[in-house]
């Protein structure tokens, strides 16, 4: 499908400039960001933090379903890990960590029984074994397929994932300040029941009120700029499946992000196609699914670079789009 460009998205020398509102409140032009200047050749700025990202692997031993080629995902993950390990050795900055935005596995069998539960755990162990070869710290966002058959506890027991929500900070290299990262879990029913054992509809997902309060408190406590990770979409924009891929109470969560004045961007998975929109001054970027389309040319993964002015660039590989200047320069977290 066509990938729409919304406000504050600009075109410079054939590359998309994706920029959120200037959180300092000052006027700016996208090419004034360090990422944008590097893109146009006006300057060569060095990023101060870099990490790797993959999403929607859907590893499973079953025939294709539409454009989802499940049996190709293991080999694609191997290539992605190799590519991220090259990025980790690229320069002295390396990679701070690598994160998957959800749906590491897909359904092992139609029937919910002990045999298929065991098969799905086997699939998870196999894809985790490849993901574990990335030579940096790993983080995980839970996707609806991660806990469609399995429980959250089973997913955690067979990966290095930990329960969300949680947050962590990574210092910038070569300058003062740090980035605050937030991992959210929207795999809950409307009544707050966690997904697991096929108890939920993937089209009806929520962030519990307790998690919304945790998020508000966490954002209020940090002095650093913030990047949010979530599987299901928070932007609220319709796509090829209407509103089904959005978190149903996203309209209650977005004001929390906007009120903080610190969120530079939200990175999401779930809807499988490259997509970028800006809501309330915050860019929401969907990354492309690894499982989509056959063979090595249709792989998708990327690295994200953050610059000293808090501008953000995504460098995509294969079918993952590249974006420069994902946010505008600002003074958050500066002494």
Protein backbone atom coordinates (compact mmCIF):
# COMPACT_ATOMS: atom_id res chain seq x y z
CA UNK A 1 0.00 0.00 0.00
CA UNK A 2 1.06 3.62 -0.36
CA UNK A 3 2.89 4.98 2.63
CA UNK A 4 1.38 8.37 3.53
CA UNK A 5 3.38 11.37 4.62
CA UNK A 6 1.71 13.60 7.16
CA UNK A 7 2.64 16.98 8.59
CA UNK A 8 6.24 17.75 9.48
CA UNK A 9 7.52 15.25 6.94
CA UNK A 10 9.75 16.79 4.30
CA UNK A 11 11.71 15.71 1.23
CA UNK A 12 15.38 16.64 0.93
CA UNK A 13 17.51 15.33 -1.95
CA UNK A 14 15.25 12.35 -2.45
CA UNK A 15 15.24 11.21 1.18
CA UNK A 16 12.38 11.54 3.63
CA UNK A 17 12.91 13.95 6.51
CA UNK A 18 10.65 12.95 9.37
CA UNK A 19 10.46 15.46 12.15
CA UNK A 20 8.37 15.93 15.24
CA UNK A 21 7.59 19.17 16.98
CA UNK A 22 10.50 21.13 18.43
CA UNK A 23 10.10 20.29 22.10
CA UNK A 24 11.96 23.40 23.15
CA UNK A 25 9.22 25.49 21.51
CA UNK A 26 11.58 27.22 19.07
CA UNK A 27 11.13 27.42 15.32
CA UNK A 28 13.30 25.11 13.21
CA UNK A 29 13.80 23.63 9.77
CA UNK A 30 14.34 19.88 9.29
CA UNK A 31 17.71 20.37 7.60
CA UNK A 32 18.89 22.17 10.76
CA UNK A 33 18.94 18.88 12.69
CA UNK A 34 22.29 17.16 12.88
CA UNK A 35 20.87 14.11 11.11
CA UNK A 36 19.42 16.36 8.39
CA UNK A 37 22.67 18.28 7.97
CA UNK A 38 24.55 15.02 7.59
CA UNK A 39 22.03 13.87 4.98
CA UNK A 40 22.33 17.03 2.87
CA UNK A 41 26.10 17.10 3.12
CA UNK A 42 26.15 20.39 5.03
CA UNK A 43 27.91 18.72 7.95
CA UNK A 44 29.06 15.33 9.15
CA UNK A 45 27.79 14.85 12.67
CA UNK A 46 28.58 11.79 14.74
CA UNK A 47 25.71 10.03 16.54
CA UNK A 48 25.93 9.79 20.31
CA UNK A 49 23.90 6.57 20.67
CA UNK A 50 22.98 3.70 18.34
CA UNK A 51 20.82 0.58 18.75
CA UNK A 52 19.43 -2.21 16.57
CA UNK A 53 15.79 -3.12 15.95
CA UNK A 54 13.79 -5.97 14.39
CA UNK A 55 10.09 -6.76 14.53
CA UNK A 56 7.39 -9.27 13.63
CA UNK A 57 9.53 -12.30 12.89
CA UNK A 58 6.64 -14.80 13.17
CA UNK A 59 8.91 -17.85 13.17
CA UNK A 60 6.84 -21.01 12.51
CA UNK A 61 7.08 -24.28 10.61
CA UNK A 62 3.98 -23.95 8.46
CA UNK A 63 3.00 -23.00 4.89
CA UNK A 64 2.75 -19.34 3.84
CA UNK A 65 -0.39 -17.38 4.65
CA UNK A 66 -0.77 -14.62 2.12
CA UNK A 67 2.45 -12.59 2.18
CA UNK A 68 3.66 -14.13 5.45
CA UNK A 69 6.44 -16.60 4.68
CA UNK A 70 6.96 -18.20 8.08
CA UNK A 71 9.68 -20.69 7.17
CA UNK A 72 11.96 -17.93 5.86
CA UNK A 73 12.06 -16.06 9.15
CA UNK A 74 14.80 -18.09 10.83
CA UNK A 75 17.26 -17.44 7.98
CA UNK A 76 16.22 -13.78 7.88
CA UNK A 77 16.92 -13.48 11.59
CA UNK A 78 20.37 -14.97 11.07
CA UNK A 79 21.13 -12.31 8.46
CA UNK A 80 19.73 -9.56 10.68
CA UNK A 81 21.84 -10.64 13.64
CA UNK A 82 24.94 -10.77 11.46
CA UNK A 83 24.16 -7.28 10.18
CA UNK A 84 23.63 -5.91 13.67
CA UNK A 85 26.88 -7.46 14.81
CA UNK A 86 28.66 -5.67 11.97
CA UNK A 87 27.04 -2.42 13.17
CA UNK A 88 28.24 -3.19 16.70
CA UNK A 89 31.81 -3.20 15.36
CA UNK A 90 31.34 -0.24 13.02
CA UNK A 91 33.09 2.31 15.22
CA UNK A 92 33.74 3.15 18.86
CA UNK A 93 30.05 3.91 19.39
CA UNK A 94 28.92 0.39 18.45
CA UNK A 95 25.42 -0.68 19.47
CA UNK A 96 24.07 0.07 22.92
CA UNK A 97 21.48 -2.73 22.65
CA UNK A 98 19.14 -4.50 20.23
CA UNK A 99 15.37 -4.79 20.58
CA UNK A 100 12.60 -6.82 18.98
CA UNK A 101 9.22 -5.09 18.84
CA UNK A 102 7.22 -8.30 19.16
CA UNK A 103 5.75 -11.40 17.50
CA UNK A 104 8.87 -13.56 17.56
CA UNK A 105 6.82 -16.71 16.89
CA UNK A 106 3.55 -17.69 15.27
CA UNK A 107 1.04 -20.44 16.00
CA UNK A 108 2.44 -23.99 16.01
CA UNK A 109 -0.95 -25.67 15.55
CA UNK A 110 -4.66 -24.91 15.42
CA UNK A 111 -5.61 -26.97 18.46
CA UNK A 112 -4.75 -25.76 21.94
CA UNK A 113 -3.20 -28.84 23.51
CA UNK A 114 -0.01 -29.83 25.29
CA UNK A 115 1.64 -31.00 22.07
CA UNK A 116 1.17 -27.67 20.30
CA UNK A 117 2.16 -25.70 23.37
CA UNK A 118 5.40 -27.70 23.48
CA UNK A 119 5.93 -27.13 19.73
CA UNK A 120 5.50 -23.39 20.16
CA UNK A 121 8.00 -23.32 23.02
CA UNK A 122 10.38 -25.16 20.69
CA UNK A 123 9.84 -22.49 18.00
CA UNK A 124 10.51 -19.77 20.55
CA UNK A 125 13.70 -21.46 21.73
CA UNK A 126 14.91 -21.78 18.13
CA UNK A 127 14.39 -18.12 17.21
CA UNK A 128 15.71 -16.99 20.60
CA UNK A 129 18.88 -19.01 19.99
CA UNK A 130 19.50 -16.94 16.85
CA UNK A 131 18.53 -13.64 18.49
CA UNK A 132 20.89 -14.45 21.36
CA UNK A 133 23.82 -14.33 18.92
CA UNK A 134 23.54 -10.56 18.68
CA UNK A 135 26.60 -9.32 20.56
CA UNK A 136 24.85 -6.70 22.70
CA UNK A 137 22.21 -6.48 25.42
CA UNK A 138 18.77 -7.58 24.23
CA UNK A 139 15.33 -6.12 24.94
CA UNK A 140 11.91 -7.47 23.99
CA UNK A 141 8.45 -6.04 23.44
CA UNK A 142 5.66 -8.61 23.77
CA UNK A 143 3.56 -9.06 20.66
CA UNK A 144 0.10 -10.61 20.53
CA UNK A 145 1.47 -13.73 18.77
CA UNK A 146 4.15 -14.13 21.46
CA UNK A 147 1.37 -14.86 23.94
CA UNK A 148 -1.42 -16.17 21.72
CA UNK A 149 -0.76 -19.79 22.71
CA UNK A 150 1.89 -19.32 25.38
CA UNK A 151 1.52 -17.50 28.66
CA UNK A 152 3.66 -14.48 29.43
CA UNK A 153 5.49 -16.50 32.06
CA UNK A 154 6.38 -19.15 29.46
CA UNK A 155 7.66 -16.49 27.08
CA UNK A 156 9.84 -14.95 29.78
CA UNK A 157 11.13 -18.37 30.89
CA UNK A 158 12.36 -19.20 27.37
CA UNK A 159 13.90 -15.83 26.42
CA UNK A 160 15.82 -13.04 28.12
CA UNK A 161 12.66 -10.92 28.11
CA UNK A 162 11.33 -9.39 31.30
CA UNK A 163 7.90 -8.12 32.25
CA UNK A 164 6.93 -4.66 31.03
CA UNK A 165 6.39 -1.85 31.58
CA UNK A 166 9.93 -0.91 32.42
CA UNK A 167 12.40 1.79 31.49
CA UNK A 168 16.15 2.23 31.27
CA UNK A 169 18.66 4.96 30.50
CA UNK A 170 21.71 4.89 28.22
CA UNK A 171 24.31 7.70 28.47
CA UNK A 172 25.28 9.56 25.32
CA UNK A 173 28.82 9.02 24.10
CA UNK A 174 31.03 12.07 23.68
CA UNK A 175 28.58 14.52 25.24
CA UNK A 176 26.54 15.00 28.38
CA UNK A 177 23.06 13.57 28.85
CA UNK A 178 21.34 10.26 28.28
CA UNK A 179 18.35 8.72 26.52
CA UNK A 180 15.42 7.31 28.47
CA UNK A 181 13.81 4.25 26.88
CA UNK A 182 10.36 2.92 27.81
CA UNK A 183 9.09 -0.58 26.99
CA UNK A 184 5.29 -1.00 27.10
CA UNK A 185 3.07 -4.11 27.04
CA UNK A 186 -0.34 -3.75 25.39
CA UNK A 187 -1.12 -7.49 25.39
CA UNK A 188 -4.14 -7.11 27.68
CA UNK A 189 -7.89 -7.44 27.31
CA UNK A 190 -10.21 -4.55 28.13
CA UNK A 191 -10.75 -5.87 31.66
CA UNK A 192 -7.00 -5.99 32.34
CA UNK A 193 -6.60 -9.75 31.84
CA UNK A 194 -3.22 -10.53 30.25
CA UNK A 195 -3.12 -12.33 26.92
CA UNK A 196 -2.31 -16.05 27.01
CA UNK A 197 -3.75 -19.42 25.97
CA UNK A 198 -5.85 -17.82 23.21
CA UNK A 199 -8.03 -15.84 25.56
CA UNK A 200 -8.01 -12.59 23.56
CA UNK A 201 -8.77 -11.03 20.18
CA UNK A 202 -5.73 -9.40 18.53
CA UNK A 203 -8.04 -6.67 17.23
CA UNK A 204 -9.01 -5.66 20.76
CA UNK A 205 -5.93 -4.70 22.74
CA UNK A 206 -5.48 -2.31 25.66
CA UNK A 207 -2.94 -0.69 27.96
CA UNK A 208 -4.31 -1.20 31.49
CA UNK A 209 -5.01 1.87 33.62
CA UNK A 210 -2.25 0.80 36.00
CA UNK A 211 0.26 0.86 33.15
CA UNK A 212 -0.96 4.28 32.05
CA UNK A 213 -0.36 5.58 35.59
CA UNK A 214 3.06 3.94 35.68
CA UNK A 215 3.88 5.63 32.36
CA UNK A 216 2.80 9.06 33.60
CA UNK A 217 4.89 8.65 36.75
CA UNK A 218 7.92 7.37 34.85
CA UNK A 219 7.86 10.25 32.38
CA UNK A 220 7.43 12.77 35.19
CA UNK A 221 10.53 11.45 36.96
CA UNK A 222 12.99 11.47 34.06
CA UNK A 223 14.96 14.54 33.00
CA UNK A 224 16.08 12.89 29.76
CA UNK A 225 14.56 12.75 26.28
CA UNK A 226 12.38 9.65 25.80
CA UNK A 227 11.86 6.99 23.16
CA UNK A 228 8.86 4.63 23.52
CA UNK A 229 8.73 0.99 22.33
CA UNK A 230 5.38 -0.78 21.90
CA UNK A 231 4.08 -3.57 19.65
CA UNK A 232 0.52 -2.52 18.84
CA UNK A 233 -0.01 0.95 17.45
CA UNK A 234 -0.55 4.03 19.60
CA UNK A 235 -0.90 6.56 16.78
CA UNK A 236 -4.61 5.91 16.12
CA UNK A 237 -4.26 6.27 12.34
CA UNK A 238 -6.27 3.82 10.20
CA UNK A 239 -4.39 1.53 7.84
CA UNK A 240 -5.19 -1.39 5.52
CA UNK A 241 -7.12 -3.08 8.35
CA UNK A 242 -8.99 0.00 9.54
CA UNK A 243 -8.66 0.62 13.27
CA UNK A 244 -7.98 -3.00 14.20
CA UNK A 245 -4.24 -2.62 14.70
CA UNK A 246 -4.48 0.28 17.13
CA UNK A 247 -4.53 0.02 20.91
CA UNK A 248 -8.16 0.67 21.74
CA UNK A 249 -7.46 3.17 24.51
CA UNK A 250 -4.60 4.84 22.64
CA UNK A 251 -6.44 8.18 22.77
CA UNK A 252 -6.09 8.04 26.58
CA UNK A 253 -2.37 7.24 26.41
CA UNK A 254 -1.19 9.78 23.83
CA UNK A 255 -1.97 12.81 26.06
CA UNK A 256 0.33 11.30 28.71
CA UNK A 257 3.16 11.29 26.16
CA UNK A 258 2.35 14.79 24.93
CA UNK A 259 2.01 16.28 28.42
CA UNK A 260 5.48 15.07 29.41
CA UNK A 261 7.10 17.19 26.70
CA UNK A 262 9.95 14.69 26.59
CA UNK A 263 8.90 11.99 24.11
CA UNK A 264 10.89 12.27 20.89
CA UNK A 265 9.26 9.34 19.08
CA UNK A 266 7.33 6.06 19.39
CA UNK A 267 8.57 2.93 17.59
CA UNK A 268 5.90 0.29 16.85
CA UNK A 269 5.35 -3.01 15.03
CA UNK A 270 2.19 -5.07 14.44
CA UNK A 271 0.88 -3.70 11.14
CA UNK A 272 3.87 -5.03 9.16
CA UNK A 273 4.35 -2.13 6.71
CA UNK A 274 6.64 0.89 6.87
CA UNK A 275 4.50 3.76 8.14
CA UNK A 276 5.11 7.15 9.71
CA UNK A 277 2.70 9.71 11.09
CA UNK A 278 2.92 12.55 13.57
CA UNK A 279 0.26 13.01 16.26
CA UNK A 280 0.39 15.78 18.84
CA UNK A 281 3.89 16.69 17.75
CA UNK A 282 5.25 13.16 18.31
CA UNK A 283 6.38 10.93 15.41
CA UNK A 284 4.94 7.39 15.50
CA UNK A 285 6.93 5.02 13.29
CA UNK A 286 5.85 1.47 12.36
CA UNK A 287 8.72 -0.76 11.29
CA UNK A 288 8.36 -3.39 8.58
CA UNK A 289 7.80 -7.03 9.53
CA UNK A 290 10.59 -9.51 8.91
CA UNK A 291 8.06 -12.25 7.99
CA UNK A 292 6.66 -10.42 4.97
CA UNK A 293 7.40 -11.77 1.48
CA UNK A 294 9.78 -14.54 0.45
CA UNK A 295 13.53 -14.81 0.53
CA UNK A 296 16.56 -12.76 1.54
CA UNK A 297 15.69 -9.62 -0.51
CA UNK A 298 12.55 -9.18 1.60
CA UNK A 299 14.27 -9.14 4.97
CA UNK A 300 13.78 -6.09 7.23
CA UNK A 301 15.79 -4.74 10.16
CA UNK A 302 17.52 -1.51 11.04
CA UNK A 303 19.71 0.58 13.29
CA UNK A 304 18.57 3.75 15.03
CA UNK A 305 20.98 6.62 15.63
CA UNK A 306 20.46 9.50 18.06
CA UNK A 307 22.43 12.73 17.70
CA UNK A 308 23.49 15.30 20.30
CA UNK A 309 20.62 17.62 19.32
CA UNK A 310 18.20 14.69 19.92
CA UNK A 311 17.45 14.24 16.23
CA UNK A 312 16.91 10.57 15.34
CA UNK A 313 17.70 8.64 12.16
CA UNK A 314 16.59 5.11 11.23
CA UNK A 315 18.91 3.30 8.83
CA UNK A 316 16.92 0.49 7.22
CA UNK A 317 18.19 -2.71 5.64
CA UNK A 318 16.48 -4.53 2.77
CA UNK A 319 12.75 -3.64 2.95
CA UNK A 320 12.98 -1.52 6.10
CA UNK A 321 12.69 2.15 5.14
CA UNK A 322 15.35 4.65 6.17
CA UNK A 323 14.31 7.90 7.86
CA UNK A 324 16.40 10.90 8.77
CA UNK A 325 15.73 13.53 11.43
CA UNK A 326 12.87 11.67 13.10
CA UNK A 327 12.67 14.42 15.71
CA UNK A 328 13.62 18.06 15.96
CA UNK A 329 16.48 19.65 17.92
CA UNK A 330 15.58 20.62 21.45
CA UNK A 331 17.08 21.18 24.88
CA UNK A 332 15.59 18.28 26.86
CA UNK A 333 17.99 16.79 29.35
CA UNK A 334 20.65 19.43 28.84
CA UNK A 335 22.44 20.83 31.85
